[in-house]
Amino acid sequence: MGEAKPVGALVVGRNPVAVDAVCGRLMGLSPQRMAYLRGASGRLGPILEHNIEQRGEPIAALRTNFAILDAPHLTRLRDG
């Protein structure tokens, strides 16, 4: 699976789609490249950063790239 990695953030919200999108960004992943979030976007909740109200520290200050398996279907998830 992987190893636990401290990020220094507590992410909570009313919308699980938005929470997953924020967590993906914190991990250095692009929510727009995750199939389940793309499918939920707009119908179940927002995934675009400008559509999610965030309080506290900015994502850029806490972002910690997580290791991902070196497989084509996973490496494309990396944000930029």
PDB file of N, CA and C in Angstrom:
ATOM      1  N   MET A   1       0.820  -1.188   0.000  1.00  0.00           N
ATOM      2  CA  MET A   1       0.000   0.000   0.000  1.00  0.00           C
ATOM      3  C   MET A   1       0.860   1.246   0.000  1.00  0.00           C
ATOM      4  N   GLY A   2       1.648   1.421   0.990  1.00  0.00           N
ATOM      5  CA  GLY A   2       2.432   2.637   1.103  1.00  0.00           C
ATOM      6  C   GLY A   2       2.701   2.950   2.553  1.00  0.00           C
ATOM      7  N   GLU A   3       3.342   4.051   2.772  1.00  0.00           N
ATOM      8  CA  GLU A   3       3.669   4.468   4.124  1.00  0.00           C
ATOM      9  C   GLU A   3       2.887   5.719   4.485  1.00  0.00           C
ATOM     10  N   ALA A   4       2.513   5.819   5.746  1.00  0.00           N
ATOM     11  CA  ALA A   4       1.832   7.028   6.226  1.00  0.00           C
ATOM     12  C   ALA A   4       2.785   8.206   6.086  1.00  0.00           C
ATOM     13  N   LYS A   5       2.233   9.339   5.738  1.00  0.00           N
ATOM     14  CA  LYS A   5       3.057  10.526   5.530  1.00  0.00           C
ATOM     15  C   LYS A   5       2.351  11.718   6.175  1.00  0.00           C
ATOM     16  N   PRO A   6       2.975  12.365   7.148  1.00  0.00           N
ATOM     17  CA  PRO A   6       2.331  13.518   7.781  1.00  0.00           C
ATOM     18  C   PRO A   6       2.266  14.702   6.819  1.00  0.00           C
ATOM     19  N   VAL A   7       1.121  15.361   6.802  1.00  0.00           N
ATOM     20  CA  VAL A   7       0.928  16.524   5.938  1.00  0.00           C
ATOM     21  C   VAL A   7       0.751  17.786   6.767  1.00  0.00           C
ATOM     22  N   GLY A   8       0.269  17.644   7.976  1.00  0.00           N
ATOM     23  CA  GLY A   8       0.066  18.810   8.828  1.00  0.00           C
ATOM     24  C   GLY A   8      -1.239  19.524   8.559  1.00  0.00           C
ATOM     25  N   ALA A   9      -2.239  18.770   8.070  1.00  0.00           N
ATOM     26  CA  ALA A   9      -3.535  19.380   7.760  1.00  0.00           C
ATOM     27  C   ALA A   9      -4.661  18.476   8.223  1.00  0.00           C
ATOM     28  N   LEU A  10      -5.743  19.097   8.583  1.00  0.00           N
ATOM     29  CA  LEU A  10      -6.981  18.398   8.869  1.00  0.00           C
ATOM     30  C   LEU A  10      -7.993  18.914   7.855  1.00  0.00           C
ATOM     31  N   VAL A  11      -8.489  18.018   7.002  1.00  0.00           N
ATOM     32  CA  VAL A  11      -9.410  18.427   5.946  1.00  0.00           C
ATOM     33  C   VAL A  11     -10.800  17.901   6.292  1.00  0.00           C
ATOM     34  N   VAL A  12     -11.748  18.813   6.426  1.00  0.00           N
ATOM     35  CA  VAL A  12     -13.135  18.449   6.702  1.00  0.00           C
ATOM     36  C   VAL A  12     -14.030  19.266   5.775  1.00  0.00           C
ATOM     37  N   GLY A  13     -15.204  18.757   5.539  1.00  0.00           N
ATOM     38  CA  GLY A  13     -16.138  19.487   4.711  1.00  0.00           C
ATOM     39  C   GLY A  13     -17.479  18.801   4.640  1.00  0.00           C
ATOM     40  N   ARG A  14     -18.441  19.488   4.077  1.00  0.00           N
ATOM     41  CA  ARG A  14     -19.792  18.952   3.924  1.00  0.00           C
ATOM     42  C   ARG A  14     -19.939  18.138   2.650  1.00  0.00           C
ATOM     43  N   ASN A  15     -19.021  18.329   1.712  1.00  0.00           N
ATOM     44  CA  ASN A  15     -19.140  17.673   0.426  1.00  0.00           C
ATOM     45  C   ASN A  15     -17.946  16.747   0.216  1.00  0.00           C
ATOM     46  N   PRO A  16     -18.177  15.428   0.175  1.00  0.00           N
ATOM     47  CA  PRO A  16     -17.059  14.484   0.056  1.00  0.00           C
ATOM     48  C   PRO A  16     -16.277  14.622  -1.255  1.00  0.00           C
ATOM     49  N   VAL A  17     -16.910  15.061  -2.319  1.00  0.00           N
ATOM     50  CA  VAL A  17     -16.209  15.249  -3.585  1.00  0.00           C
ATOM     51  C   VAL A  17     -15.195  16.387  -3.451  1.00  0.00           C
ATOM     52  N   ALA A  18     -15.614  17.486  -2.866  1.00  0.00           N
ATOM     53  CA  ALA A  18     -14.717  18.620  -2.662  1.00  0.00           C
ATOM     54  C   ALA A  18     -13.585  18.252  -1.709  1.00  0.00           C
ATOM     55  N   VAL A  19     -13.896  17.500  -0.656  1.00  0.00           N
ATOM     56  CA  VAL A  19     -12.869  17.065   0.299  1.00  0.00           C
ATOM     57  C   VAL A  19     -11.837  16.188  -0.405  1.00  0.00           C
ATOM     58  N   ASP A  20     -12.275  15.239  -1.224  1.00  0.00           N
ATOM     59  CA  ASP A  20     -11.334  14.385  -1.958  1.00  0.00           C
ATOM     60  C   ASP A  20     -10.484  15.204  -2.928  1.00  0.00           C
ATOM     61  N   ALA A  21     -11.078  16.196  -3.575  1.00  0.00           N
ATOM     62  CA  ALA A  21     -10.325  17.043  -4.504  1.00  0.00           C
ATOM     63  C   ALA A  21      -9.236  17.814  -3.761  1.00  0.00           C
ATOM     64  N   VAL A  22      -9.558  18.364  -2.608  1.00  0.00           N
ATOM     65  CA  VAL A  22      -8.574  19.093  -1.813  1.00  0.00           C
ATOM     66  C   VAL A  22      -7.467  18.140  -1.350  1.00  0.00           C
ATOM     67  N   CYS A  23      -7.836  16.963  -0.893  1.00  0.00           N
ATOM     68  CA  CYS A  23      -6.827  15.996  -0.445  1.00  0.00           C
ATOM     69  C   CYS A  23      -5.915  15.580  -1.594  1.00  0.00           C
ATOM     70  N   GLY A  24      -6.480  15.398  -2.768  1.00  0.00           N
ATOM     71  CA  GLY A  24      -5.659  15.081  -3.933  1.00  0.00           C
ATOM     72  C   GLY A  24      -4.643  16.169  -4.210  1.00  0.00           C
ATOM     73  N   ARG A  25      -5.083  17.415  -4.151  1.00  0.00           N
ATOM     74  CA  ARG A  25      -4.159  18.537  -4.365  1.00  0.00           C
ATOM     75  C   ARG A  25      -3.059  18.565  -3.307  1.00  0.00           C
ATOM     76  N   LEU A  26      -3.419  18.286  -2.048  1.00  0.00           N
ATOM     77  CA  LEU A  26      -2.422  18.238  -0.984  1.00  0.00           C
ATOM     78  C   LEU A  26      -1.370  17.160  -1.248  1.00  0.00           C
ATOM     79  N   MET A  27      -1.781  16.094  -1.931  1.00  0.00           N
ATOM     80  CA  MET A  27      -0.883  14.981  -2.248  1.00  0.00           C
ATOM     81  C   MET A  27      -0.115  15.205  -3.550  1.00  0.00           C
ATOM     82  N   GLY A  28      -0.354  16.337  -4.212  1.00  0.00           N
ATOM     83  CA  GLY A  28       0.332  16.633  -5.462  1.00  0.00           C
ATOM     84  C   GLY A  28      -0.313  15.985  -6.668  1.00  0.00           C
ATOM     85  N   LEU A  29      -1.589  15.596  -6.530  1.00  0.00           N
ATOM     86  CA  LEU A  29      -2.314  14.945  -7.618  1.00  0.00           C
ATOM     87  C   LEU A  29      -3.362  15.898  -8.185  1.00  0.00           C
ATOM     88  N   SER A  30      -3.715  15.684  -9.427  1.00  0.00           N
ATOM     89  CA  SER A  30      -4.705  16.533 -10.095  1.00  0.00           C
ATOM     90  C   SER A  30      -6.090  15.895 -10.011  1.00  0.00           C
ATOM     91  N   PRO A  31      -7.033  16.519  -9.310  1.00  0.00           N
ATOM     92  CA  PRO A  31      -8.390  15.957  -9.234  1.00  0.00           C
ATOM     93  C   PRO A  31      -9.036  15.783 -10.608  1.00  0.00           C
ATOM     94  N   GLN A  32      -8.703  16.658 -11.563  1.00  0.00           N
ATOM     95  CA  GLN A  32      -9.286  16.565 -12.903  1.00  0.00           C
ATOM     96  C   GLN A  32      -8.811  15.317 -13.639  1.00  0.00           C
ATOM     97  N   ARG A  33      -7.748  14.696 -13.179  1.00  0.00           N
ATOM     98  CA  ARG A  33      -7.219  13.483 -13.821  1.00  0.00           C
ATOM     99  C   ARG A  33      -7.680  12.203 -13.123  1.00  0.00           C
ATOM    100  N   MET A  34      -8.483  12.350 -12.060  1.00  0.00           N
ATOM    101  CA  MET A  34      -9.012  11.187 -11.341  1.00  0.00           C
ATOM    102  C   MET A  34     -10.414  10.899 -11.869  1.00  0.00           C
ATOM    103  N   ALA A  35     -10.590   9.720 -12.454  1.00  0.00           N
ATOM    104  CA  ALA A  35     -11.850   9.379 -13.130  1.00  0.00           C
ATOM    105  C   ALA A  35     -13.066   9.528 -12.213  1.00  0.00           C
ATOM    106  N   TYR A  36     -12.975   9.056 -10.991  1.00  0.00           N
ATOM    107  CA  TYR A  36     -14.152   9.109 -10.114  1.00  0.00           C
ATOM    108  C   TYR A  36     -14.518  10.540  -9.746  1.00  0.00           C
ATOM    109  N   LEU A  37     -13.522  11.416  -9.598  1.00  0.00           N
ATOM    110  CA  LEU A  37     -13.826  12.813  -9.296  1.00  0.00           C
ATOM    111  C   LEU A  37     -14.336  13.545 -10.535  1.00  0.00           C
ATOM    112  N   ARG A  38     -13.766  13.246 -11.681  1.00  0.00           N
ATOM    113  CA  ARG A  38     -14.272  13.847 -12.934  1.00  0.00           C
ATOM    114  C   ARG A  38     -15.741  13.481 -13.134  1.00  0.00           C
ATOM    115  N   GLY A  39     -16.091  12.236 -12.876  1.00  0.00           N
ATOM    116  CA  GLY A  39     -17.475  11.787 -13.026  1.00  0.00           C
ATOM    117  C   GLY A  39     -18.418  12.437 -12.038  1.00  0.00           C
ATOM    118  N   ALA A  40     -17.923  12.746 -10.852  1.00  0.00           N
ATOM    119  CA  ALA A  40     -18.761  13.352  -9.810  1.00  0.00           C
ATOM    120  C   ALA A  40     -18.847  14.864  -9.944  1.00  0.00           C
ATOM    121  N   SER A  41     -17.884  15.459 -10.630  1.00  0.00           N
ATOM    122  CA  SER A  41     -17.803  16.912 -10.738  1.00  0.00           C
ATOM    123  C   SER A  41     -19.064  17.509 -11.354  1.00  0.00           C
ATOM    124  N   GLY A  42     -19.600  18.489 -10.657  1.00  0.00           N
ATOM    125  CA  GLY A  42     -20.778  19.191 -11.160  1.00  0.00           C
ATOM    126  C   GLY A  42     -22.086  18.524 -10.783  1.00  0.00           C
ATOM    127  N   ARG A  43     -22.079  17.205 -10.626  1.00  0.00           N
ATOM    128  CA  ARG A  43     -23.313  16.505 -10.250  1.00  0.00           C
ATOM    129  C   ARG A  43     -23.378  16.258  -8.753  1.00  0.00           C
ATOM    130  N   LEU A  44     -22.248  15.839  -8.191  1.00  0.00           N
ATOM    131  CA  LEU A  44     -22.223  15.534  -6.759  1.00  0.00           C
ATOM    132  C   LEU A  44     -21.447  16.561  -5.948  1.00  0.00           C
ATOM    133  N   GLY A  45     -20.621  17.349  -6.630  1.00  0.00           N
ATOM    134  CA  GLY A  45     -19.855  18.362  -5.927  1.00  0.00           C
ATOM    135  C   GLY A  45     -18.770  18.933  -6.810  1.00  0.00           C
ATOM    136  N   PRO A  46     -18.153  20.014  -6.353  1.00  0.00           N
ATOM    137  CA  PRO A  46     -17.127  20.674  -7.151  1.00  0.00           C
ATOM    138  C   PRO A  46     -15.753  20.019  -6.974  1.00  0.00           C
ATOM    139  N   ILE A  47     -14.926  20.078  -8.029  1.00  0.00           N
ATOM    140  CA  ILE A  47     -13.539  19.648  -7.900  1.00  0.00           C
ATOM    141  C   ILE A  47     -12.567  20.763  -8.304  1.00  0.00           C
ATOM    142  N   LEU A  48     -13.074  21.780  -8.978  1.00  0.00           N
ATOM    143  CA  LEU A  48     -12.207  22.887  -9.372  1.00  0.00           C
ATOM    144  C   LEU A  48     -11.902  23.751  -8.154  1.00  0.00           C
ATOM    145  N   GLU A  49     -10.638  24.098  -8.007  1.00  0.00           N
ATOM    146  CA  GLU A  49     -10.192  24.814  -6.811  1.00  0.00           C
ATOM    147  C   GLU A  49     -10.962  26.114  -6.578  1.00  0.00           C
ATOM    148  N   HIS A  50     -11.247  26.855  -7.640  1.00  0.00           N
ATOM    149  CA  HIS A  50     -11.939  28.135  -7.461  1.00  0.00           C
ATOM    150  C   HIS A  50     -13.413  27.966  -7.070  1.00  0.00           C
ATOM    151  N   ASN A  51     -13.940  26.745  -7.136  1.00  0.00           N
ATOM    152  CA  ASN A  51     -15.327  26.479  -6.731  1.00  0.00           C
ATOM    153  C   ASN A  51     -15.434  25.889  -5.325  1.00  0.00           C
ATOM    154  N   ILE A  52     -14.305  25.737  -4.653  1.00  0.00           N
ATOM    155  CA  ILE A  52     -14.293  25.141  -3.310  1.00  0.00           C
ATOM    156  C   ILE A  52     -13.861  26.200  -2.301  1.00  0.00           C
ATOM    157  N   GLU A  53     -14.727  26.485  -1.353  1.00  0.00           N
ATOM    158  CA  GLU A  53     -14.377  27.441  -0.299  1.00  0.00           C
ATOM    159  C   GLU A  53     -13.400  26.771   0.657  1.00  0.00           C
ATOM    160  N   GLN A  54     -12.265  27.393   0.817  1.00  0.00           N
ATOM    161  CA  GLN A  54     -11.238  26.837   1.692  1.00  0.00           C
ATOM    162  C   GLN A  54     -10.864  27.850   2.743  1.00  0.00           C
ATOM    163  N   ARG A  55     -10.693  27.365   3.956  1.00  0.00           N
ATOM    164  CA  ARG A  55     -10.263  28.223   5.058  1.00  0.00           C
ATOM    165  C   ARG A  55      -8.945  27.694   5.592  1.00  0.00           C
ATOM    166  N   GLY A  56      -8.172  28.557   6.177  1.00  0.00           N
ATOM    167  CA  GLY A  56      -6.910  28.122   6.767  1.00  0.00           C
ATOM    168  C   GLY A  56      -5.757  28.272   5.796  1.00  0.00           C
ATOM    169  N   GLU A  57      -4.774  27.435   5.967  1.00  0.00           N
ATOM    170  CA  GLU A  57      -3.556  27.494   5.166  1.00  0.00           C
ATOM    171  C   GLU A  57      -3.842  27.213   3.699  1.00  0.00           C
ATOM    172  N   PRO A  58      -3.146  27.891   2.800  1.00  0.00           N
ATOM    173  CA  PRO A  58      -3.317  27.582   1.378  1.00  0.00           C
ATOM    174  C   PRO A  58      -2.723  26.210   1.050  1.00  0.00           C
ATOM    175  N   ILE A  59      -3.279  25.572   0.046  1.00  0.00           N
ATOM    176  CA  ILE A  59      -2.815  24.246  -0.355  1.00  0.00           C
ATOM    177  C   ILE A  59      -1.327  24.268  -0.677  1.00  0.00           C
ATOM    178  N   ALA A  60      -0.870  25.287  -1.368  1.00  0.00           N
ATOM    179  CA  ALA A  60       0.541  25.364  -1.770  1.00  0.00           C
ATOM    180  C   ALA A  60       1.483  25.301  -0.568  1.00  0.00           C
ATOM    181  N   ALA A  61       1.055  25.835   0.568  1.00  0.00           N
ATOM    182  CA  ALA A  61       1.906  25.840   1.758  1.00  0.00           C
ATOM    183  C   ALA A  61       2.023  24.458   2.393  1.00  0.00           C
ATOM    184  N   LEU A  62       1.052  23.591   2.142  1.00  0.00           N
ATOM    185  CA  LEU A  62       1.026  22.265   2.771  1.00  0.00           C
ATOM    186  C   LEU A  62       1.251  21.118   1.794  1.00  0.00           C
ATOM    187  N   ARG A  63       1.259  21.423   0.521  1.00  0.00           N
ATOM    188  CA  ARG A  63       1.358  20.369  -0.494  1.00  0.00           C
ATOM    189  C   ARG A  63       2.619  19.536  -0.278  1.00  0.00           C
ATOM    190  N   THR A  64       2.419  18.227  -0.263  1.00  0.00           N
ATOM    191  CA  THR A  64       3.488  17.256  -0.090  1.00  0.00           C
ATOM    192  C   THR A  64       3.269  16.156  -1.113  1.00  0.00           C
ATOM    193  N   ASN A  65       4.124  16.085  -2.127  1.00  0.00           N
ATOM    194  CA  ASN A  65       3.944  15.060  -3.151  1.00  0.00           C
ATOM    195  C   ASN A  65       4.078  13.669  -2.546  1.00  0.00           C
ATOM    196  N   PHE A  66       3.083  12.854  -2.798  1.00  0.00           N
ATOM    197  CA  PHE A  66       3.090  11.476  -2.337  1.00  0.00           C
ATOM    198  C   PHE A  66       3.694  10.602  -3.426  1.00  0.00           C
ATOM    199  N   ALA A  67       4.338   9.527  -3.030  1.00  0.00           N
ATOM    200  CA  ALA A  67       4.872   8.566  -3.993  1.00  0.00           C
ATOM    201  C   ALA A  67       3.700   7.810  -4.606  1.00  0.00           C
ATOM    202  N   ILE A  68       3.772   7.589  -5.910  1.00  0.00           N
ATOM    203  CA  ILE A  68       2.762   6.777  -6.572  1.00  0.00           C
ATOM    204  C   ILE A  68       3.482   5.696  -7.359  1.00  0.00           C
ATOM    205  N   LEU A  69       2.792   4.592  -7.585  1.00  0.00           N
ATOM    206  CA  LEU A  69       3.383   3.496  -8.342  1.00  0.00           C
ATOM    207  C   LEU A  69       3.751   3.955  -9.739  1.00  0.00           C
ATOM    208  N   ASP A  70       4.809   3.421 -10.260  1.00  0.00           N
ATOM    209  CA  ASP A  70       5.273   3.783 -11.595  1.00  0.00           C
ATOM    210  C   ASP A  70       4.519   2.966 -12.642  1.00  0.00           C
ATOM    211  N   ALA A  71       3.256   3.297 -12.800  1.00  0.00           N
ATOM    212  CA  ALA A  71       2.398   2.647 -13.792  1.00  0.00           C
ATOM    213  C   ALA A  71       1.717   3.752 -14.599  1.00  0.00           C
ATOM    214  N   PRO A  72       1.629   3.581 -15.927  1.00  0.00           N
ATOM    215  CA  PRO A  72       1.085   4.655 -16.774  1.00  0.00           C
ATOM    216  C   PRO A  72      -0.268   5.193 -16.311  1.00  0.00           C
ATOM    217  N   HIS A  73      -1.150   4.308 -15.855  1.00  0.00           N
ATOM    218  CA  HIS A  73      -2.475   4.776 -15.452  1.00  0.00           C
ATOM    219  C   HIS A  73      -2.447   5.543 -14.133  1.00  0.00           C
ATOM    220  N   LEU A  74      -1.346   5.466 -13.401  1.00  0.00           N
ATOM    221  CA  LEU A  74      -1.232   6.208 -12.147  1.00  0.00           C
ATOM    222  C   LEU A  74      -0.329   7.436 -12.273  1.00  0.00           C
ATOM    223  N   THR A  75       0.755   7.328 -13.019  1.00  0.00           N
ATOM    224  CA  THR A  75       1.681   8.459 -13.130  1.00  0.00           C
ATOM    225  C   THR A  75       1.012   9.670 -13.780  1.00  0.00           C
ATOM    226  N   ARG A  76      -0.002   9.463 -14.583  1.00  0.00           N
ATOM    227  CA  ARG A  76      -0.703  10.588 -15.223  1.00  0.00           C
ATOM    228  C   ARG A  76      -1.518  11.386 -14.207  1.00  0.00           C
ATOM    229  N   LEU A  77      -1.695  10.855 -13.007  1.00  0.00           N
ATOM    230  CA  LEU A  77      -2.445  11.577 -11.969  1.00  0.00           C
ATOM    231  C   LEU A  77      -1.651  12.731 -11.387  1.00  0.00           C
ATOM    232  N   ARG A  78      -0.326  12.665 -11.540  1.00  0.00           N
ATOM    233  CA  ARG A  78       0.529  13.703 -10.963  1.00  0.00           C
ATOM    234  C   ARG A  78       0.150  15.051 -11.564  1.00  0.00           C
ATOM    235  N   ASP A  79       0.055  16.023 -10.715  1.00  0.00           N
ATOM    236  CA  ASP A  79      -0.328  17.382 -11.135  1.00  0.00           C
ATOM    237  C   ASP A  79       0.866  18.071 -11.780  1.00  0.00           C
ATOM    238  N   GLY A  80       0.694  18.457 -13.042  1.00  0.00           N
ATOM    239  CA  GLY A  80       1.696  19.224 -13.786  1.00  0.00           C
ATOM    240  C   GLY A  80       3.043  18.725 -13.565  1.00  0.00           C
TER     241      GLY A  80
END
